[in-house]
């Protein structure tokens, strides 16, 4: 499963209920149920996982799966000029558990 924060285009640190809802509405413009049913389903699942503070906390504490390659790349490379990640960035991206985030 993909990272719901990445699907919604959110940062973990600065996420509140209003930001999650706004990101969901923004995503609906791109992934409407009629034009992109699979994209809409991914968006809907991500929204349901992060909809409230309690659900975000639950997700951050208990949902630890092996990250997909796309999720690792999104974590390691900030938007902008492509660059090689530092060893510290690699360790943080591969770390498991809530303390790593």
N, C-alpha and C. Protein backbone atom coordinates (compact mmCIF):
# COMPACT_ATOMS: atom_id res chain seq x y z
N UNK A 1 0.84 -1.18 0.00
CA UNK A 1 0.00 0.00 0.00
C UNK A 1 0.88 1.24 0.00
N UNK A 2 0.43 2.25 -0.67
CA UNK A 2 1.18 3.49 -0.74
C UNK A 2 0.94 4.34 0.50
N UNK A 3 1.82 5.27 0.72
CA UNK A 3 1.74 6.16 1.87
C UNK A 3 0.59 7.14 1.66
N UNK A 4 -0.39 7.19 2.58
CA UNK A 4 -1.53 8.09 2.39
C UNK A 4 -1.13 9.57 2.42
N UNK A 5 -0.07 9.89 3.15
CA UNK A 5 0.39 11.28 3.16
C UNK A 5 0.87 11.68 1.76
N UNK A 6 1.57 10.77 1.10
CA UNK A 6 2.07 11.06 -0.24
C UNK A 6 0.92 11.14 -1.24
N UNK A 7 -0.06 10.27 -1.11
CA UNK A 7 -1.21 10.29 -2.02
C UNK A 7 -1.95 11.62 -1.92
N UNK A 8 -2.12 12.12 -0.70
CA UNK A 8 -2.82 13.38 -0.50
C UNK A 8 -1.91 14.60 -0.68
N UNK A 9 -0.61 14.38 -0.80
CA UNK A 9 0.32 15.50 -0.97
C UNK A 9 0.53 16.29 0.29
N UNK A 10 0.58 15.61 1.44
CA UNK A 10 0.71 16.27 2.73
C UNK A 10 2.05 15.96 3.39
N UNK A 11 2.49 16.87 4.25
CA UNK A 11 3.65 16.64 5.10
C UNK A 11 3.16 16.08 6.43
N UNK A 12 3.87 15.14 7.00
CA UNK A 12 3.45 14.53 8.26
C UNK A 12 3.43 15.54 9.40
N UNK A 13 4.40 16.41 9.44
CA UNK A 13 4.57 17.30 10.57
C UNK A 13 3.49 18.37 10.66
N UNK A 14 3.01 18.86 9.55
CA UNK A 14 2.10 20.01 9.55
C UNK A 14 0.71 19.64 9.06
N UNK A 15 0.20 18.51 9.52
CA UNK A 15 -1.10 18.04 9.04
C UNK A 15 -2.14 18.20 10.13
N UNK A 16 -3.24 18.87 9.79
CA UNK A 16 -4.39 18.95 10.68
C UNK A 16 -5.63 18.54 9.90
N UNK A 17 -6.78 18.49 10.57
CA UNK A 17 -8.01 18.02 9.92
C UNK A 17 -8.37 18.86 8.70
N UNK A 18 -8.23 20.18 8.81
CA UNK A 18 -8.58 21.07 7.70
C UNK A 18 -7.66 20.84 6.50
N UNK A 19 -6.37 20.63 6.77
CA UNK A 19 -5.41 20.39 5.68
C UNK A 19 -5.71 19.07 4.96
N UNK A 20 -6.08 18.05 5.71
CA UNK A 20 -6.41 16.76 5.11
C UNK A 20 -7.65 16.90 4.24
N UNK A 21 -8.65 17.59 4.74
CA UNK A 21 -9.89 17.78 3.97
C UNK A 21 -9.63 18.59 2.70
N UNK A 22 -8.84 19.66 2.83
CA UNK A 22 -8.51 20.49 1.66
C UNK A 22 -7.74 19.68 0.61
N UNK A 23 -6.81 18.84 1.07
CA UNK A 23 -6.03 18.01 0.14
C UNK A 23 -6.94 17.00 -0.55
N UNK A 24 -7.90 16.47 0.18
CA UNK A 24 -8.86 15.52 -0.41
C UNK A 24 -9.69 16.19 -1.50
N UNK A 25 -10.19 17.38 -1.20
CA UNK A 25 -11.00 18.10 -2.19
C UNK A 25 -10.17 18.46 -3.42
N UNK A 26 -8.92 18.82 -3.20
CA UNK A 26 -8.03 19.12 -4.33
C UNK A 26 -7.79 17.86 -5.17
N UNK A 27 -7.62 16.74 -4.50
CA UNK A 27 -7.41 15.48 -5.20
C UNK A 27 -8.64 15.02 -5.97
N UNK A 28 -9.83 15.38 -5.49
CA UNK A 28 -11.06 15.01 -6.19
C UNK A 28 -11.15 15.68 -7.56
N UNK A 29 -10.57 16.85 -7.68
CA UNK A 29 -10.58 17.54 -8.98
C UNK A 29 -9.77 16.75 -10.01
N UNK A 30 -8.74 16.09 -9.56
CA UNK A 30 -7.88 15.33 -10.47
C UNK A 30 -8.39 13.90 -10.66
N UNK A 31 -8.84 13.27 -9.58
CA UNK A 31 -9.26 11.87 -9.61
C UNK A 31 -10.76 11.75 -9.36
N UNK A 32 -11.56 12.18 -10.28
CA UNK A 32 -13.01 12.07 -10.09
C UNK A 32 -13.42 10.60 -10.25
N UNK A 33 -14.50 10.20 -9.60
CA UNK A 33 -14.93 8.80 -9.69
C UNK A 33 -15.29 8.35 -11.11
N UNK A 34 -15.76 9.26 -11.92
CA UNK A 34 -16.16 8.89 -13.28
C UNK A 34 -14.96 8.72 -14.20
N UNK A 35 -13.97 9.61 -14.08
CA UNK A 35 -12.83 9.59 -15.00
C UNK A 35 -11.70 8.68 -14.56
N UNK A 36 -11.47 8.59 -13.24
CA UNK A 36 -10.34 7.80 -12.73
C UNK A 36 -10.79 7.02 -11.49
N UNK A 37 -11.54 5.93 -11.66
CA UNK A 37 -12.06 5.21 -10.50
C UNK A 37 -10.98 4.64 -9.58
N UNK A 38 -9.87 4.15 -10.16
CA UNK A 38 -8.81 3.60 -9.32
C UNK A 38 -8.09 4.69 -8.54
N UNK A 39 -7.83 5.83 -9.18
CA UNK A 39 -7.22 6.96 -8.48
C UNK A 39 -8.13 7.49 -7.39
N UNK A 40 -9.42 7.53 -7.68
CA UNK A 40 -10.39 7.97 -6.68
C UNK A 40 -10.40 7.03 -5.49
N UNK A 41 -10.34 5.72 -5.75
CA UNK A 41 -10.34 4.75 -4.65
C UNK A 41 -9.11 4.92 -3.76
N UNK A 42 -7.93 5.10 -4.38
CA UNK A 42 -6.71 5.33 -3.59
C UNK A 42 -6.83 6.61 -2.76
N UNK A 43 -7.38 7.66 -3.37
CA UNK A 43 -7.57 8.93 -2.68
C UNK A 43 -8.53 8.77 -1.51
N UNK A 44 -9.62 8.05 -1.73
CA UNK A 44 -10.62 7.86 -0.69
C UNK A 44 -10.06 7.06 0.49
N UNK A 45 -9.31 6.01 0.19
CA UNK A 45 -8.71 5.20 1.26
C UNK A 45 -7.71 6.04 2.06
N UNK A 46 -6.89 6.83 1.37
CA UNK A 46 -5.92 7.69 2.05
C UNK A 46 -6.64 8.71 2.94
N UNK A 47 -7.71 9.29 2.43
CA UNK A 47 -8.48 10.26 3.21
C UNK A 47 -9.08 9.61 4.45
N UNK A 48 -9.64 8.42 4.30
CA UNK A 48 -10.23 7.73 5.46
C UNK A 48 -9.18 7.40 6.51
N UNK A 49 -7.95 7.11 6.08
CA UNK A 49 -6.90 6.78 7.04
C UNK A 49 -6.41 8.01 7.81
N UNK A 50 -6.49 9.19 7.21
CA UNK A 50 -5.92 10.39 7.82
C UNK A 50 -6.96 11.44 8.19
N UNK A 51 -8.21 11.12 8.11
CA UNK A 51 -9.30 12.09 8.24
C UNK A 51 -9.30 12.85 9.56
N UNK A 52 -9.06 12.19 10.68
CA UNK A 52 -9.07 12.84 11.98
C UNK A 52 -7.70 12.70 12.65
N UNK A 53 -7.50 13.49 13.66
CA UNK A 53 -6.23 13.43 14.40
C UNK A 53 -6.01 12.04 14.97
N UNK A 54 -7.06 11.45 15.50
CA UNK A 54 -6.97 10.12 16.09
C UNK A 54 -6.57 9.08 15.03
N UNK A 55 -7.16 9.16 13.85
CA UNK A 55 -6.82 8.21 12.79
C UNK A 55 -5.40 8.42 12.29
N UNK A 56 -4.94 9.69 12.22
CA UNK A 56 -3.55 9.94 11.83
C UNK A 56 -2.58 9.35 12.84
N UNK A 57 -2.87 9.54 14.11
CA UNK A 57 -2.03 8.98 15.17
C UNK A 57 -2.02 7.46 15.11
N UNK A 58 -3.19 6.87 14.93
CA UNK A 58 -3.29 5.41 14.81
C UNK A 58 -2.49 4.91 13.61
N UNK A 59 -2.60 5.60 12.49
CA UNK A 59 -1.85 5.20 11.30
C UNK A 59 -0.35 5.31 11.54
N UNK A 60 0.08 6.42 12.13
CA UNK A 60 1.51 6.63 12.36
C UNK A 60 2.09 5.62 13.34
N UNK A 61 1.29 5.17 14.30
CA UNK A 61 1.79 4.23 15.30
C UNK A 61 1.74 2.77 14.86
N UNK A 62 0.71 2.38 14.13
CA UNK A 62 0.48 0.96 13.90
C UNK A 62 0.58 0.48 12.46
N UNK A 63 0.60 1.34 11.50
CA UNK A 63 0.61 0.90 10.10
C UNK A 63 2.01 1.00 9.53
N UNK A 64 2.77 -0.03 9.75
CA UNK A 64 4.13 -0.05 9.25
C UNK A 64 4.30 -1.22 8.30
N UNK A 65 4.34 -0.88 7.03
CA UNK A 65 4.54 -1.87 6.00
C UNK A 65 5.86 -1.57 5.31
N UNK A 66 6.34 -2.51 4.58
CA UNK A 66 7.54 -2.28 3.79
C UNK A 66 7.19 -1.21 2.76
N UNK A 67 7.92 -0.09 2.75
CA UNK A 67 7.56 0.99 1.83
C UNK A 67 7.80 0.60 0.38
N UNK A 68 6.95 1.11 -0.48
CA UNK A 68 7.11 0.90 -1.91
C UNK A 68 8.28 1.75 -2.40
N UNK A 69 8.84 1.38 -3.52
CA UNK A 69 9.96 2.11 -4.09
C UNK A 69 9.59 3.57 -4.34
N UNK A 70 8.38 3.83 -4.80
CA UNK A 70 7.94 5.21 -5.06
C UNK A 70 7.88 6.01 -3.77
N UNK A 71 7.46 5.37 -2.66
CA UNK A 71 7.40 6.06 -1.38
C UNK A 71 8.80 6.40 -0.88
N UNK A 72 9.74 5.47 -1.05
CA UNK A 72 11.12 5.76 -0.66
C UNK A 72 11.69 6.91 -1.46
N UNK A 73 11.45 6.91 -2.74
CA UNK A 73 11.96 7.99 -3.59
C UNK A 73 11.34 9.31 -3.19
N UNK A 74 10.04 9.32 -2.87
CA UNK A 74 9.38 10.56 -2.47
C UNK A 74 9.92 11.08 -1.15
N UNK A 75 10.27 10.18 -0.25
CA UNK A 75 10.83 10.60 1.04
C UNK A 75 12.26 11.13 0.89
N UNK A 76 13.04 10.50 0.04
CA UNK A 76 14.44 10.85 -0.07
C UNK A 76 14.69 12.11 -0.87
N UNK A 77 13.95 12.29 -1.91
CA UNK A 77 14.21 13.40 -2.82
C UNK A 77 13.18 14.51 -2.63
N UNK A 78 13.65 15.65 -2.21
CA UNK A 78 12.76 16.81 -2.10
C UNK A 78 12.47 17.33 -3.50
N UNK A 79 11.35 18.01 -3.68
CA UNK A 79 11.07 18.57 -5.00
C UNK A 79 12.16 19.55 -5.42
N UNK A 80 12.46 19.55 -6.67
CA UNK A 80 13.50 20.45 -7.17
C UNK A 80 14.56 19.69 -7.93
N UNK A 81 15.78 20.12 -7.79
CA UNK A 81 16.89 19.54 -8.51
C UNK A 81 17.20 18.14 -7.99
N UNK A 82 17.32 17.16 -8.87
CA UNK A 82 17.68 15.82 -8.42
C UNK A 82 19.06 15.83 -7.75
N UNK A 83 19.18 15.12 -6.66
CA UNK A 83 20.45 15.04 -5.95
C UNK A 83 20.54 13.71 -5.23
N UNK A 84 21.74 13.35 -4.86
CA UNK A 84 21.98 12.10 -4.13
C UNK A 84 21.60 12.32 -2.66
N UNK A 85 20.84 11.40 -2.06
CA UNK A 85 20.48 11.56 -0.65
C UNK A 85 21.68 11.34 0.25
N UNK A 86 21.67 12.02 1.38
CA UNK A 86 22.74 11.84 2.35
C UNK A 86 22.54 10.51 3.09
N UNK A 87 23.58 9.99 3.72
CA UNK A 87 23.41 8.75 4.49
C UNK A 87 22.37 8.90 5.60
N UNK A 88 22.26 10.07 6.20
CA UNK A 88 21.26 10.29 7.25
C UNK A 88 19.85 10.21 6.68
N UNK A 89 19.62 10.77 5.50
CA UNK A 89 18.31 10.68 4.86
C UNK A 89 17.95 9.24 4.54
N UNK A 90 18.91 8.47 4.11
CA UNK A 90 18.66 7.06 3.80
C UNK A 90 18.30 6.30 5.07
N UNK A 91 19.03 6.55 6.16
CA UNK A 91 18.73 5.87 7.43
C UNK A 91 17.32 6.23 7.92
N UNK A 92 16.94 7.51 7.83
CA UNK A 92 15.60 7.92 8.26
C UNK A 92 14.52 7.29 7.40
N UNK A 93 14.75 7.23 6.09
CA UNK A 93 13.74 6.68 5.18
C UNK A 93 13.55 5.18 5.40
N UNK A 94 14.60 4.49 5.75
CA UNK A 94 14.51 3.04 5.95
C UNK A 94 14.19 2.63 7.37
N UNK A 95 14.22 3.58 8.29
CA UNK A 95 13.93 3.27 9.69
C UNK A 95 12.47 2.85 9.87
N UNK A 96 12.24 1.96 10.80
CA UNK A 96 10.90 1.47 11.06
C UNK A 96 10.50 1.94 12.44
N UNK A 97 9.27 2.41 12.57
CA UNK A 97 8.74 2.82 13.86
C UNK A 97 8.41 4.29 13.89
N UNK A 98 7.58 4.71 14.87
CA UNK A 98 7.14 6.09 14.94
C UNK A 98 8.27 7.06 15.29
N UNK A 99 9.32 6.61 15.97
CA UNK A 99 10.42 7.51 16.32
C UNK A 99 11.21 7.94 15.10
N UNK A 100 11.13 7.19 14.02
CA UNK A 100 11.89 7.51 12.81
C UNK A 100 11.27 8.66 12.03
N UNK A 101 10.04 8.96 12.30
CA UNK A 101 9.36 10.00 11.53
C UNK A 101 9.39 11.23 12.28
